[in-house]
Amino acid sequence: MIKTRKLGNSGLEVSALGLGCMGLSFGYGPATEKDQGIKLIREAYEQGITFFDTAEAYGIANEELVGEALAPFRKEVVIATKFGFLDGDSQKGLDSRPERIKQVVENSLKNLKTDVIDLIYQHRVDPNVPMEDVAGTVKDLIAEGKVKYFGLSEAGVTSIRKAHAVQPVTALQSEYSIWWREPELEIIPTLEELGIGFVPFSPLGKGFLTGAINQNTQFDGKDFRNILPRFSEENRKANQALVELLKNIAADKNATPAQIALGWLLAQRPWIVPIPGTTKSHRLTENINGASVDLSLADVKAIDEAFAKTNVQGDRYPAHLQNRVGK
């Protein structure tokens, strides 16, 4: 079984790996059949995962899927969801007005078939709403018993501090992996100082670090990787060196590249809980086994030194998406 971890000083205890559920119905091409999605989420629970991540922006179907799948063991799991987009549509811009937050929480409670949301994140910082108002609204929802814990997603240091001063932040969710290291500069030291947990999404580089993607991979027309600079054909070709490196390290450890990538993240701090997503049963088991890959400090150092010599090509997001993060 997977060990558990506490998200910062909040006392919220979850499995050392969570399951990001977005890809079951959003972002990576056609949605998974509902029965398949339920089966996968329940398999995750049976293998020890107790932390499940969804969001209003992934569509009602995603929250409903998570709610239905987890209903039989609702008390044993932690469900995280998010608010923050206009009409719940990530294409339309941001909306974290207090009345909107309250409405989203009511909707999510219904979709998830639950009477409390364990962890609610602001999906992206809304420059038009003071962070104090956002945190204050969540504080009220916690007092009402509708929400237990407060989180932020892709927020910058200033926003984290402002929010935390009003309502303690339990977790920050942002991208972090062997090939996206920016959080190490300011974010991780700030989280450490304030006692906030870190929940990295895309810990496997949106699939790239598994070794399953190469320059010839064709993504589905609806797959958002089509617009990411890092996933252009020439950048995928250039970045293969990283995967080769991971494969070599994995071979020494009798593990897979994905497991090394997850083990590396878990070795960074005891309050880091990655949430890899998958639609495939065998990948789920592979990821879960990654939680028990024990990397020593020397291993981590060797990985870091090898990676320092390789140059990741391509931006993480196109410009219009990049201006939504780190605010």
Protein backbone atom coordinates (compact mmCIF):
# COMPACT_ATOMS: atom_id res chain seq x y z
CA MET A 1 0.00 0.00 0.00
CA ILE A 2 1.05 3.59 -0.52
CA LYS A 3 2.41 5.52 2.43
CA THR A 4 0.61 8.69 3.47
CA ARG A 5 1.84 12.26 3.68
CA LYS A 6 0.61 15.42 5.36
CA LEU A 7 0.06 18.52 3.25
CA GLY A 8 2.14 21.07 5.14
CA ASN A 9 1.05 22.00 8.65
CA SER A 10 -2.66 21.68 7.91
CA GLY A 11 -3.00 18.15 9.25
CA LEU A 12 -4.64 17.00 6.00
CA GLU A 13 -3.29 13.50 5.42
CA VAL A 14 -3.46 11.88 1.98
CA SER A 15 -1.80 9.07 0.05
CA ALA A 16 1.70 10.03 -1.13
CA LEU A 17 0.36 10.00 -4.71
CA GLY A 18 -3.03 11.29 -5.72
CA LEU A 19 -4.98 10.73 -8.93
CA GLY A 20 -5.51 13.64 -11.28
CA CYS A 21 -8.89 12.92 -12.88
CA MET A 22 -8.94 15.69 -15.51
CA GLY A 23 -7.76 13.51 -18.38
CA LEU A 24 -10.67 11.11 -17.95
CA SER A 25 -12.96 13.66 -19.57
CA PHE A 26 -11.02 16.77 -20.55
CA GLY A 27 -7.90 18.02 -22.27
CA TYR A 28 -6.42 14.88 -23.79
CA GLY A 29 -8.83 14.00 -26.60
CA PRO A 30 -12.07 11.99 -26.36
CA ALA A 31 -13.52 11.37 -22.90
CA THR A 32 -13.12 7.94 -21.35
CA GLU A 33 -16.32 5.88 -21.21
CA LYS A 34 -18.03 6.56 -17.88
CA ASP A 35 -17.91 2.93 -16.73
CA GLN A 36 -14.20 2.78 -17.55
CA GLY A 37 -13.58 6.01 -15.64
CA ILE A 38 -15.42 4.72 -12.57
CA LYS A 39 -13.51 1.44 -12.77
CA LEU A 40 -10.14 3.25 -12.95
CA ILE A 41 -10.91 5.56 -10.01
CA ARG A 42 -12.02 2.61 -7.88
CA GLU A 43 -8.91 0.65 -8.84
CA ALA A 44 -6.86 3.61 -7.63
CA TYR A 45 -8.67 3.52 -4.30
CA GLU A 46 -8.22 -0.26 -3.99
CA GLN A 47 -4.47 0.21 -4.55
CA GLY A 48 -4.19 2.78 -1.79
CA ILE A 49 -4.86 6.19 -3.38
CA THR A 50 -7.03 8.39 -1.15
CA PHE A 51 -6.59 11.77 -2.88
CA PHE A 52 -8.60 12.62 -6.02
CA ASP A 53 -8.45 15.83 -8.05
CA THR A 54 -11.14 17.36 -10.26
CA ALA A 55 -12.37 20.88 -11.13
CA GLU A 56 -15.42 22.76 -12.31
CA ALA A 57 -13.50 23.62 -15.50
CA TYR A 58 -13.13 19.93 -16.44
CA GLY A 59 -16.91 19.82 -16.93
CA ILE A 60 -19.84 18.65 -14.83
CA ALA A 61 -19.22 15.15 -16.19
CA ASN A 62 -15.80 15.03 -14.53
CA GLU A 63 -17.06 16.01 -11.07
CA GLU A 64 -20.03 13.65 -11.42
CA LEU A 65 -17.73 10.81 -12.46
CA VAL A 66 -15.47 11.37 -9.43
CA GLY A 67 -18.46 11.67 -7.09
CA GLU A 68 -20.12 8.50 -8.32
CA ALA A 69 -16.91 6.48 -8.36
CA LEU A 70 -16.00 7.46 -4.79
CA ALA A 71 -19.49 7.35 -3.25
CA PRO A 72 -19.04 3.86 -1.72
CA PHE A 73 -15.98 5.00 0.27
CA ARG A 74 -16.57 8.75 0.47
CA LYS A 75 -15.48 8.94 4.12
CA GLU A 76 -12.10 7.33 3.39
CA VAL A 77 -11.03 9.70 0.61
CA VAL A 78 -10.10 13.34 0.08
CA ILE A 79 -11.73 15.05 -2.91
CA ALA A 80 -10.27 18.27 -4.28
CA THR A 81 -12.05 20.50 -6.79
CA LYS A 82 -11.54 24.05 -8.09
CA PHE A 83 -13.35 27.30 -8.91
CA GLY A 84 -12.17 30.37 -10.79
CA PHE A 85 -13.25 30.43 -14.46
CA LEU A 86 -16.09 32.41 -15.99
CA ASP A 87 -19.09 30.07 -16.31
CA GLY A 88 -16.69 27.25 -15.44
CA ASP A 89 -15.13 27.50 -18.91
CA SER A 90 -11.35 27.81 -19.04
CA GLN A 91 -11.62 29.38 -22.53
CA LYS A 92 -13.69 32.31 -21.26
CA GLY A 93 -11.42 33.99 -18.74
CA LEU A 94 -11.40 34.25 -14.95
CA ASP A 95 -14.11 34.77 -12.35
CA SER A 96 -13.40 34.50 -8.62
CA ARG A 97 -16.05 36.94 -7.38
CA PRO A 98 -17.29 35.87 -3.94
CA GLU A 99 -20.84 35.17 -5.16
CA ARG A 100 -19.44 33.04 -7.98
CA ILE A 101 -17.24 31.03 -5.58
CA LYS A 102 -20.29 30.28 -3.42
CA GLN A 103 -22.28 29.21 -6.46
CA VAL A 104 -19.51 26.90 -7.69
CA VAL A 105 -19.28 25.26 -4.27
CA GLU A 106 -23.05 24.57 -4.30
CA ASN A 107 -22.78 23.13 -7.82
CA SER A 108 -19.76 21.00 -6.92
CA LEU A 109 -21.40 19.62 -3.79
CA LYS A 110 -24.31 18.48 -5.97
CA ASN A 111 -22.13 17.09 -8.78
CA LEU A 112 -19.88 15.24 -6.34
CA LYS A 113 -22.91 13.95 -4.38
CA THR A 114 -21.31 14.99 -1.11
CA ASP A 115 -22.06 17.33 1.77
CA VAL A 116 -18.52 18.71 2.07
CA ILE A 117 -15.62 19.48 -0.28
CA ASP A 118 -12.37 18.39 1.38
CA LEU A 119 -10.11 20.81 -0.49
CA ILE A 120 -11.15 23.70 -2.74
CA TYR A 121 -8.58 25.42 -4.93
CA GLN A 122 -8.75 28.74 -6.72
CA HIS A 123 -7.87 27.42 -10.19
CA ARG A 124 -6.08 30.59 -11.32
CA VAL A 125 -5.52 33.92 -9.57
CA ASP A 126 -8.12 36.48 -10.71
CA PRO A 127 -6.46 39.92 -11.02
CA ASN A 128 -9.89 41.60 -10.73
CA VAL A 129 -10.72 40.18 -7.30
CA PRO A 130 -8.52 40.96 -4.27
CA MET A 131 -6.98 37.76 -2.92
CA GLU A 132 -8.20 38.77 0.56
CA ASP A 133 -11.80 38.56 -0.73
CA VAL A 134 -11.22 35.13 -2.26
CA ALA A 135 -9.60 33.76 0.91
CA GLY A 136 -12.29 35.43 3.05
CA THR A 137 -15.06 33.78 1.04
CA VAL A 138 -13.46 30.36 1.42
CA LYS A 139 -12.99 31.06 5.14
CA ASP A 140 -16.76 31.65 5.39
CA LEU A 141 -17.48 28.43 3.48
CA ILE A 142 -15.21 26.55 5.88
CA ALA A 143 -17.08 28.08 8.84
CA GLU A 144 -20.36 26.92 7.25
CA GLY A 145 -19.00 23.37 7.01
CA LYS A 146 -19.23 23.21 3.21
CA VAL A 147 -15.48 23.14 2.67
CA LYS A 148 -12.67 21.78 4.86
CA TYR A 149 -9.43 23.12 3.37
CA PHE A 150 -8.30 25.92 1.03
CA GLY A 151 -5.80 25.66 -1.81
CA LEU A 152 -4.39 27.74 -4.66
CA SER A 153 -3.37 26.61 -8.14
CA GLU A 154 -0.51 28.16 -10.14
CA ALA A 155 -0.41 31.17 -7.78
CA GLY A 156 2.69 33.32 -7.28
CA VAL A 157 4.40 34.11 -3.98
CA THR A 158 2.57 37.41 -3.35
CA SER A 159 -0.85 35.82 -3.81
CA ILE A 160 0.09 32.86 -1.61
CA ARG A 161 1.14 35.19 1.22
CA LYS A 162 -1.97 37.38 0.91
CA ALA A 163 -4.29 34.37 0.94
CA HIS A 164 -2.51 32.61 3.77
CA ALA A 165 -2.79 35.69 6.00
CA VAL A 166 -6.61 35.52 5.76
CA GLN A 167 -7.25 31.78 5.62
CA PRO A 168 -4.38 29.29 6.01
CA VAL A 169 -3.59 27.70 2.66
CA THR A 170 -3.31 23.92 2.86
CA ALA A 171 -1.84 23.23 -0.56
CA LEU A 172 -0.53 24.85 -3.69
CA GLN A 173 -1.10 22.95 -6.91
CA SER A 174 1.25 23.80 -9.77
CA GLU A 175 3.24 22.08 -12.44
CA TYR A 176 6.49 20.61 -11.17
CA SER A 177 8.59 17.76 -12.52
CA ILE A 178 12.12 16.86 -13.49
CA TRP A 179 11.69 18.93 -16.66
CA TRP A 180 9.80 21.90 -15.16
CA ARG A 181 11.85 23.17 -12.23
CA GLU A 182 10.74 26.79 -11.87
CA PRO A 183 8.94 26.22 -8.49
CA GLU A 184 12.35 25.58 -6.91
CA LEU A 185 13.28 29.25 -7.26
CA GLU A 186 10.67 30.97 -5.07
CA ILE A 187 7.62 28.79 -4.61
CA ILE A 188 9.06 25.82 -2.70
CA PRO A 189 11.01 28.00 -0.20
CA THR A 190 7.83 30.03 0.44
CA LEU A 191 5.71 26.89 0.97
CA GLU A 192 8.36 25.54 3.32
CA GLU A 193 8.37 28.76 5.33
CA LEU A 194 4.56 28.93 5.60
CA GLY A 195 3.93 25.21 6.13
CA ILE A 196 1.91 24.70 2.94
CA GLY A 197 1.83 21.40 1.05
CA PHE A 198 2.70 21.13 -2.64
CA VAL A 199 0.62 19.13 -5.13
CA PRO A 200 2.48 18.91 -8.46
CA PHE A 201 0.32 18.29 -11.51
CA SER A 202 1.84 16.93 -14.73
CA PRO A 203 4.58 15.22 -12.67
CA LEU A 204 5.32 13.09 -15.73
CA GLY A 205 5.62 16.09 -18.06
CA LYS A 206 2.14 15.57 -19.55
CA GLY A 207 3.20 12.05 -20.49
CA PHE A 208 6.55 12.94 -22.05
CA LEU A 209 8.70 11.58 -19.22
CA THR A 210 7.13 8.13 -19.50
CA GLY A 211 8.97 7.54 -22.77
CA ALA A 212 5.70 6.84 -24.58
CA ILE A 213 5.88 10.02 -26.72
CA ASN A 214 8.35 10.80 -29.50
CA GLN A 215 8.67 13.16 -32.45
CA ASN A 216 6.34 10.94 -34.53
CA THR A 217 3.51 10.83 -31.99
CA GLN A 218 0.24 12.15 -33.39
CA PHE A 219 -2.06 13.70 -30.78
CA ASP A 220 -5.85 13.67 -31.09
CA GLY A 221 -7.32 16.89 -32.55
CA LYS A 222 -8.79 17.81 -29.15
CA ASP A 223 -5.57 17.18 -27.23
CA PHE A 224 -4.28 20.43 -25.73
CA ARG A 225 -0.67 19.30 -26.16
CA ASN A 226 -1.10 20.35 -29.80
CA ILE A 227 -0.78 24.01 -28.72
CA LEU A 228 2.08 23.62 -26.22
CA PRO A 229 5.44 24.84 -27.58
CA ARG A 230 7.29 22.12 -25.69
CA PHE A 231 5.33 19.52 -27.65
CA SER A 232 6.12 20.80 -31.14
CA GLU A 233 7.65 18.07 -33.30
CA GLU A 234 11.15 19.57 -33.28
CA ASN A 235 11.09 20.14 -29.51
CA ARG A 236 9.90 16.60 -28.88
CA LYS A 237 12.83 15.42 -30.94
CA ALA A 238 15.28 17.64 -29.04
CA ASN A 239 13.88 16.61 -25.65
CA GLN A 240 14.26 12.87 -26.28
CA ALA A 241 17.71 13.10 -24.67
CA LEU A 242 16.00 13.66 -21.32
CA VAL A 243 13.90 10.55 -21.69
CA GLU A 244 16.94 8.50 -22.67
CA LEU A 245 18.63 9.71 -19.52
CA LEU A 246 15.63 8.69 -17.42
CA LYS A 247 15.55 5.29 -19.11
CA ASN A 248 19.18 4.66 -18.21
CA ILE A 249 18.64 5.60 -14.56
CA ALA A 250 15.46 3.49 -14.48
CA ALA A 251 17.25 0.45 -15.86
CA ASP A 252 19.77 0.64 -12.99
CA LYS A 253 16.94 0.77 -10.46
CA ASN A 254 14.79 -1.90 -12.07
CA ALA A 255 12.09 0.73 -12.53
CA THR A 256 10.41 2.62 -15.39
CA PRO A 257 11.15 6.23 -16.40
CA ALA A 258 7.77 7.30 -14.98
CA GLN A 259 8.58 5.70 -11.64
CA ILE A 260 11.94 7.48 -11.47
CA ALA A 261 10.23 10.81 -12.30
CA LEU A 262 7.71 10.27 -9.47
CA GLY A 263 10.35 8.98 -7.04
CA TRP A 264 12.43 12.08 -7.76
CA LEU A 265 9.52 14.37 -6.88
CA LEU A 266 8.69 12.49 -3.68
CA ALA A 267 12.34 12.72 -2.64
CA GLN A 268 12.31 16.54 -2.86
CA ARG A 269 10.21 17.23 0.26
CA PRO A 270 8.05 15.10 2.60
CA TRP A 271 5.03 17.38 1.97
CA ILE A 272 4.97 17.00 -1.81
CA VAL A 273 2.13 14.88 -3.22
CA PRO A 274 2.16 14.47 -7.03
CA ILE A 275 -1.13 13.76 -8.83
CA PRO A 276 -0.34 11.93 -12.07
CA GLY A 277 -3.38 11.30 -14.25
CA THR A 278 -3.97 8.35 -16.53
CA THR A 279 -6.79 6.59 -18.34
CA LYS A 280 -5.04 3.22 -18.35
CA SER A 281 -5.10 0.60 -15.65
CA HIS A 282 -1.54 -0.60 -16.21
CA ARG A 283 -0.20 2.97 -16.07
CA LEU A 284 -2.07 3.53 -12.82
CA THR A 285 -0.36 0.52 -11.23
CA GLU A 286 3.00 1.61 -12.66
CA ASN A 287 2.59 5.09 -11.13
CA ILE A 288 1.52 3.70 -7.77
CA ASN A 289 4.60 1.48 -7.70
CA GLY A 290 6.61 4.62 -8.37
CA ALA A 291 5.67 5.79 -4.88
CA SER A 292 7.84 3.03 -3.43
CA VAL A 293 10.91 3.72 -5.58
CA ASP A 294 13.38 4.85 -2.98
CA LEU A 295 15.89 7.34 -4.31
CA SER A 296 18.80 8.23 -2.05
CA LEU A 297 20.21 11.75 -1.83
CA ALA A 298 23.07 10.53 -4.02
CA ASP A 299 20.58 9.24 -6.62
CA VAL A 300 18.74 12.56 -6.65
CA LYS A 301 22.02 14.44 -6.98
CA ALA A 302 23.11 12.21 -9.88
CA ILE A 303 19.77 12.75 -11.65
CA ASP A 304 20.00 16.51 -11.12
CA GLU A 305 23.57 16.66 -12.41
CA ALA A 306 22.68 14.66 -15.51
CA PHE A 307 19.64 16.83 -16.17
CA ALA A 308 21.65 20.02 -15.72
CA LYS A 309 23.66 19.00 -18.76
CA THR A 310 20.57 18.64 -20.95
CA ASN A 311 18.64 21.59 -22.25
CA VAL A 312 14.84 21.39 -22.28
CA GLN A 313 13.49 22.93 -25.49
CA GLY A 314 10.19 24.82 -25.75
CA ASP A 315 8.06 26.94 -23.42
CA ARG A 316 5.62 25.27 -21.06
CA TYR A 317 2.61 27.24 -22.31
CA PRO A 318 1.82 29.52 -25.26
CA ALA A 319 1.87 33.20 -24.23
CA HIS A 320 -1.90 33.63 -23.68
CA LEU A 321 -1.93 30.81 -21.11
CA GLN A 322 1.38 31.77 -19.57
CA ASN A 323 -0.04 35.14 -18.41
CA ARG A 324 -2.52 33.33 -16.19
CA VAL A 325 0.10 31.66 -14.03
CA GLY A 326 2.40 32.78 -11.24
CA LYS A 327 0.28 35.82 -10.35
